[in-house]
């Protein structure tokens, strides 16, 4: 099982930078797309399984 870090990226000129808020989720999506996976799972501290971000979609 590969374990990779998230949140850290690089600019077009190769300078290390952070990806900002949600950067680790974004990293997971990029790696998943690059590996052509069927799904990615993002586990958080929210109880239950949500259909969307409950902070944005109250009825998620």
PDB file of N, CA and C in Angstrom:
ATOM      1  N   UNK A   1       0.850  -1.170   0.000  1.00  0.00           N
ATOM      2  CA  UNK A   1       0.000   0.000   0.000  1.00  0.00           C
ATOM      3  C   UNK A   1       0.898   1.236   0.000  1.00  0.00           C
ATOM      4  N   UNK A   2       0.841   2.030  -1.052  1.00  0.00           N
ATOM      5  CA  UNK A   2       1.643   3.250  -1.070  1.00  0.00           C
ATOM      6  C   UNK A   2       1.107   4.268  -0.060  1.00  0.00           C
ATOM      7  N   UNK A   3       1.998   4.916   0.642  1.00  0.00           N
ATOM      8  CA  UNK A   3       1.623   6.005   1.540  1.00  0.00           C
ATOM      9  C   UNK A   3       2.341   7.251   1.038  1.00  0.00           C
ATOM     10  N   UNK A   4       1.576   8.266   0.692  1.00  0.00           N
ATOM     11  CA  UNK A   4       2.162   9.502   0.174  1.00  0.00           C
ATOM     12  C   UNK A   4       1.689  10.677   1.021  1.00  0.00           C
ATOM     13  N   UNK A   5       2.490  11.714   1.037  1.00  0.00           N
ATOM     14  CA  UNK A   5       2.094  12.910   1.771  1.00  0.00           C
ATOM     15  C   UNK A   5       1.164  13.755   0.926  1.00  0.00           C
ATOM     16  N   UNK A   6       0.446  14.607   1.552  1.00  0.00           N
ATOM     17  CA  UNK A   6      -0.410  15.549   0.853  1.00  0.00           C
ATOM     18  C   UNK A   6      -0.078  16.957   1.294  1.00  0.00           C
ATOM     19  N   UNK A   7      -0.779  17.904   0.736  1.00  0.00           N
ATOM     20  CA  UNK A   7      -0.706  19.298   1.154  1.00  0.00           C
ATOM     21  C   UNK A   7       0.516  20.027   0.611  1.00  0.00           C
ATOM     22  N   UNK A   8       1.583  19.314   0.277  1.00  0.00           N
ATOM     23  CA  UNK A   8       2.793  19.959  -0.229  1.00  0.00           C
ATOM     24  C   UNK A   8       2.843  19.787  -1.743  1.00  0.00           C
ATOM     25  N   UNK A   9       3.164  20.836  -2.431  1.00  0.00           N
ATOM     26  CA  UNK A   9       3.270  20.792  -3.881  1.00  0.00           C
ATOM     27  C   UNK A   9       4.446  21.639  -4.329  1.00  0.00           C
ATOM     28  N   UNK A  10       4.438  21.999  -5.588  1.00  0.00           N
ATOM     29  CA  UNK A  10       5.501  22.843  -6.128  1.00  0.00           C
ATOM     30  C   UNK A  10       4.913  23.785  -7.167  1.00  0.00           C
ATOM     31  N   UNK A  11       5.542  24.930  -7.303  1.00  0.00           N
ATOM     32  CA  UNK A  11       5.136  25.877  -8.329  1.00  0.00           C
ATOM     33  C   UNK A  11       5.623  25.377  -9.688  1.00  0.00           C
ATOM     34  N   UNK A  12       5.238  26.070 -10.746  1.00  0.00           N
ATOM     35  CA  UNK A  12       5.692  25.686 -12.084  1.00  0.00           C
ATOM     36  C   UNK A  12       7.212  25.726 -12.199  1.00  0.00           C
ATOM     37  N   UNK A  13       7.853  26.563 -11.391  1.00  0.00           N
ATOM     38  CA  UNK A  13       9.319  26.648 -11.434  1.00  0.00           C
ATOM     39  C   UNK A  13       9.993  25.710 -10.440  1.00  0.00           C
ATOM     40  N   UNK A  14       9.193  24.842  -9.771  1.00  0.00           N
ATOM     41  CA  UNK A  14       9.761  23.835  -8.887  1.00  0.00           C
ATOM     42  C   UNK A  14       9.977  24.261  -7.449  1.00  0.00           C
ATOM     43  N   UNK A  15       9.494  25.433  -7.083  1.00  0.00           N
ATOM     44  CA  UNK A  15       9.650  25.916  -5.707  1.00  0.00           C
ATOM     45  C   UNK A  15       8.607  25.238  -4.814  1.00  0.00           C
ATOM     46  N   UNK A  16       9.038  24.602  -3.712  1.00  0.00           N
ATOM     47  CA  UNK A  16       8.081  23.945  -2.814  1.00  0.00           C
ATOM     48  C   UNK A  16       7.074  24.945  -2.242  1.00  0.00           C
ATOM     49  N   UNK A  17       5.840  24.512  -2.118  1.00  0.00           N
ATOM     50  CA  UNK A  17       4.777  25.351  -1.574  1.00  0.00           C
ATOM     51  C   UNK A  17       3.694  24.460  -0.981  1.00  0.00           C
ATOM     52  N   UNK A  18       2.759  25.053  -0.287  1.00  0.00           N
ATOM     53  CA  UNK A  18       1.619  24.281   0.211  1.00  0.00           C
ATOM     54  C   UNK A  18       0.447  24.471  -0.744  1.00  0.00           C
ATOM     55  N   UNK A  19      -0.473  23.528  -0.728  1.00  0.00           N
ATOM     56  CA  UNK A  19      -1.632  23.590  -1.610  1.00  0.00           C
ATOM     57  C   UNK A  19      -2.809  24.315  -0.971  1.00  0.00           C
ATOM     58  N   UNK A  20      -2.646  24.796   0.251  1.00  0.00           N
ATOM     59  CA  UNK A  20      -3.716  25.536   0.907  1.00  0.00           C
ATOM     60  C   UNK A  20      -4.720  24.627   1.586  1.00  0.00           C
ATOM     61  N   UNK A  21      -5.768  25.234   2.121  1.00  0.00           N
ATOM     62  CA  UNK A  21      -6.802  24.498   2.843  1.00  0.00           C
ATOM     63  C   UNK A  21      -7.417  23.439   1.928  1.00  0.00           C
ATOM     64  N   UNK A  22      -7.530  22.214   2.422  1.00  0.00           N
ATOM     65  CA  UNK A  22      -8.047  21.118   1.607  1.00  0.00           C
ATOM     66  C   UNK A  22      -7.001  20.515   0.690  1.00  0.00           C
ATOM     67  N   UNK A  23      -5.752  20.930   0.852  1.00  0.00           N
ATOM     68  CA  UNK A  23      -4.686  20.470  -0.036  1.00  0.00           C
ATOM     69  C   UNK A  23      -4.439  18.976   0.010  1.00  0.00           C
ATOM     70  N   UNK A  24      -4.621  18.365   1.171  1.00  0.00           N
ATOM     71  CA  UNK A  24      -4.414  16.918   1.267  1.00  0.00           C
ATOM     72  C   UNK A  24      -5.493  16.161   0.503  1.00  0.00           C
ATOM     73  N   UNK A  25      -6.739  16.631   0.579  1.00  0.00           N
ATOM     74  CA  UNK A  25      -7.819  16.020  -0.198  1.00  0.00           C
ATOM     75  C   UNK A  25      -7.543  16.186  -1.692  1.00  0.00           C
ATOM     76  N   UNK A  26      -7.081  17.368  -2.064  1.00  0.00           N
ATOM     77  CA  UNK A  26      -6.740  17.651  -3.454  1.00  0.00           C
ATOM     78  C   UNK A  26      -5.612  16.735  -3.920  1.00  0.00           C
ATOM     79  N   UNK A  27      -4.603  16.549  -3.062  1.00  0.00           N
ATOM     80  CA  UNK A  27      -3.501  15.635  -3.382  1.00  0.00           C
ATOM     81  C   UNK A  27      -4.019  14.225  -3.626  1.00  0.00           C
ATOM     82  N   UNK A  28      -4.935  13.772  -2.771  1.00  0.00           N
ATOM     83  CA  UNK A  28      -5.502  12.427  -2.923  1.00  0.00           C
ATOM     84  C   UNK A  28      -6.223  12.293  -4.255  1.00  0.00           C
ATOM     85  N   UNK A  29      -6.969  13.324  -4.639  1.00  0.00           N
ATOM     86  CA  UNK A  29      -7.691  13.288  -5.913  1.00  0.00           C
ATOM     87  C   UNK A  29      -6.728  13.250  -7.097  1.00  0.00           C
ATOM     88  N   UNK A  30      -5.646  14.012  -7.017  1.00  0.00           N
ATOM     89  CA  UNK A  30      -4.657  14.027  -8.100  1.00  0.00           C
ATOM     90  C   UNK A  30      -3.978  12.666  -8.233  1.00  0.00           C
ATOM     91  N   UNK A  31      -3.558  12.088  -7.111  1.00  0.00           N
ATOM     92  CA  UNK A  31      -2.911  10.772  -7.148  1.00  0.00           C
ATOM     93  C   UNK A  31      -3.892   9.725  -7.654  1.00  0.00           C
ATOM     94  N   UNK A  32      -5.135   9.775  -7.185  1.00  0.00           N
ATOM     95  CA  UNK A  32      -6.152   8.832  -7.650  1.00  0.00           C
ATOM     96  C   UNK A  32      -6.379   8.934  -9.147  1.00  0.00           C
ATOM     97  N   UNK A  33      -6.455  10.160  -9.655  1.00  0.00           N
ATOM     98  CA  UNK A  33      -6.643  10.354 -11.096  1.00  0.00           C
ATOM     99  C   UNK A  33      -5.435   9.854 -11.875  1.00  0.00           C
ATOM    100  N   UNK A  34      -4.234  10.120 -11.360  1.00  0.00           N
ATOM    101  CA  UNK A  34      -3.012   9.671 -12.037  1.00  0.00           C
ATOM    102  C   UNK A  34      -2.924   8.152 -12.093  1.00  0.00           C
ATOM    103  N   UNK A  35      -3.443   7.487 -11.061  1.00  0.00           N
ATOM    104  CA  UNK A  35      -3.422   6.019 -11.011  1.00  0.00           C
ATOM    105  C   UNK A  35      -4.659   5.396 -11.647  1.00  0.00           C
ATOM    106  N   UNK A  36      -5.584   6.240 -12.136  1.00  0.00           N
ATOM    107  CA  UNK A  36      -6.814   5.787 -12.791  1.00  0.00           C
ATOM    108  C   UNK A  36      -7.616   4.841 -11.893  1.00  0.00           C
ATOM    109  N   UNK A  37      -7.761   5.221 -10.617  1.00  0.00           N
ATOM    110  CA  UNK A  37      -8.498   4.390  -9.668  1.00  0.00           C
ATOM    111  C   UNK A  37      -9.998   4.596  -9.830  1.00  0.00           C
ATOM    112  N   UNK A  38     -10.772   3.639  -9.348  1.00  0.00           N
ATOM    113  CA  UNK A  38     -12.227   3.747  -9.407  1.00  0.00           C
ATOM    114  C   UNK A  38     -12.775   4.689  -8.340  1.00  0.00           C
ATOM    115  N   UNK A  39     -12.082   4.792  -7.214  1.00  0.00           N
ATOM    116  CA  UNK A  39     -12.543   5.679  -6.151  1.00  0.00           C
ATOM    117  C   UNK A  39     -11.381   6.064  -5.248  1.00  0.00           C
ATOM    118  N   UNK A  40     -11.559   7.173  -4.557  1.00  0.00           N
ATOM    119  CA  UNK A  40     -10.665   7.529  -3.461  1.00  0.00           C
ATOM    120  C   UNK A  40     -11.540   7.673  -2.225  1.00  0.00           C
ATOM    121  N   UNK A  41     -10.982   7.380  -1.074  1.00  0.00           N
ATOM    122  CA  UNK A  41     -11.705   7.536   0.185  1.00  0.00           C
ATOM    123  C   UNK A  41     -10.961   8.552   1.031  1.00  0.00           C
ATOM    124  N   UNK A  42     -11.700   9.525   1.525  1.00  0.00           N
ATOM    125  CA  UNK A  42     -11.123  10.542   2.395  1.00  0.00           C
ATOM    126  C   UNK A  42     -11.811  10.422   3.742  1.00  0.00           C
ATOM    127  N   UNK A  43     -11.059  10.014   4.737  1.00  0.00           N
ATOM    128  CA  UNK A  43     -11.590   9.812   6.090  1.00  0.00           C
ATOM    129  C   UNK A  43     -11.337  11.070   6.903  1.00  0.00           C
ATOM    130  N   UNK A  44     -12.378  11.542   7.590  1.00  0.00           N
ATOM    131  CA  UNK A  44     -12.254  12.757   8.391  1.00  0.00           C
ATOM    132  C   UNK A  44     -12.801  12.523   9.789  1.00  0.00           C
ATOM    133  N   UNK A  45     -12.882  13.582  10.549  1.00  0.00           N
ATOM    134  CA  UNK A  45     -13.413  13.494  11.905  1.00  0.00           C
ATOM    135  C   UNK A  45     -14.928  13.707  11.967  1.00  0.00           C
ATOM    136  N   UNK A  46     -15.604  13.709  10.816  1.00  0.00           N
ATOM    137  CA  UNK A  46     -17.058  13.866  10.764  1.00  0.00           C
ATOM    138  C   UNK A  46     -17.703  12.505  10.989  1.00  0.00           C
ATOM    139  N   UNK A  47     -18.658  12.438  11.909  1.00  0.00           N
ATOM    140  CA  UNK A  47     -19.356  11.176  12.168  1.00  0.00           C
ATOM    141  C   UNK A  47     -20.260  10.812  10.998  1.00  0.00           C
ATOM    142  N   UNK A  48     -20.199   9.560  10.564  1.00  0.00           N
ATOM    143  CA  UNK A  48     -21.080   9.077   9.503  1.00  0.00           C
ATOM    144  C   UNK A  48     -20.481   9.234   8.123  1.00  0.00           C
ATOM    145  N   UNK A  49     -21.266   8.858   7.130  1.00  0.00           N
ATOM    146  CA  UNK A  49     -20.881   8.976   5.730  1.00  0.00           C
ATOM    147  C   UNK A  49     -21.753  10.059   5.114  1.00  0.00           C
ATOM    148  N   UNK A  50     -21.148  11.052   4.545  1.00  0.00           N
ATOM    149  CA  UNK A  50     -21.872  12.182   3.986  1.00  0.00           C
ATOM    150  C   UNK A  50     -21.818  12.138   2.462  1.00  0.00           C
ATOM    151  N   UNK A  51     -22.831  12.712   1.835  1.00  0.00           N
ATOM    152  CA  UNK A  51     -22.869  12.794   0.378  1.00  0.00           C
ATOM    153  C   UNK A  51     -22.168  14.048  -0.137  1.00  0.00           C
ATOM    154  N   UNK A  52     -21.880  14.963   0.780  1.00  0.00           N
ATOM    155  CA  UNK A  52     -21.202  16.216   0.439  1.00  0.00           C
ATOM    156  C   UNK A  52     -20.640  16.808   1.724  1.00  0.00           C
ATOM    157  N   UNK A  53     -19.986  17.930   1.615  1.00  0.00           N
ATOM    158  CA  UNK A  53     -19.449  18.617   2.793  1.00  0.00           C
ATOM    159  C   UNK A  53     -20.612  19.212   3.587  1.00  0.00           C
ATOM    160  N   UNK A  54     -20.866  18.727   4.815  1.00  0.00           N
ATOM    161  CA  UNK A  54     -22.018  19.204   5.582  1.00  0.00           C
ATOM    162  C   UNK A  54     -21.924  20.677   5.982  1.00  0.00           C
ATOM    163  N   UNK A  55     -20.749  21.268   5.884  1.00  0.00           N
ATOM    164  CA  UNK A  55     -20.622  22.703   6.157  1.00  0.00           C
ATOM    165  C   UNK A  55     -21.176  23.521   5.005  1.00  0.00           C
ATOM    166  N   UNK A  56     -21.245  22.899   3.818  1.00  0.00           N
ATOM    167  CA  UNK A  56     -21.751  23.585   2.630  1.00  0.00           C
ATOM    168  C   UNK A  56     -23.164  23.121   2.295  1.00  0.00           C
ATOM    169  N   UNK A  57     -23.417  21.815   2.439  1.00  0.00           N
ATOM    170  CA  UNK A  57     -24.722  21.222   2.130  1.00  0.00           C
ATOM    171  C   UNK A  57     -25.314  20.698   3.437  1.00  0.00           C
ATOM    172  N   UNK A  58     -26.178  21.470   4.099  1.00  0.00           N
ATOM    173  CA  UNK A  58     -26.690  21.082   5.415  1.00  0.00           C
ATOM    174  C   UNK A  58     -27.365  19.708   5.458  1.00  0.00           C
ATOM    175  N   UNK A  59     -27.986  19.275   4.379  1.00  0.00           N
ATOM    176  CA  UNK A  59     -28.690  17.983   4.363  1.00  0.00           C
ATOM    177  C   UNK A  59     -27.854  16.853   3.778  1.00  0.00           C
ATOM    178  N   UNK A  60     -26.544  16.996   3.790  1.00  0.00           N
ATOM    179  CA  UNK A  60     -25.660  15.984   3.190  1.00  0.00           C
ATOM    180  C   UNK A  60     -25.795  14.648   3.899  1.00  0.00           C
TER     181      UNK A  60
END
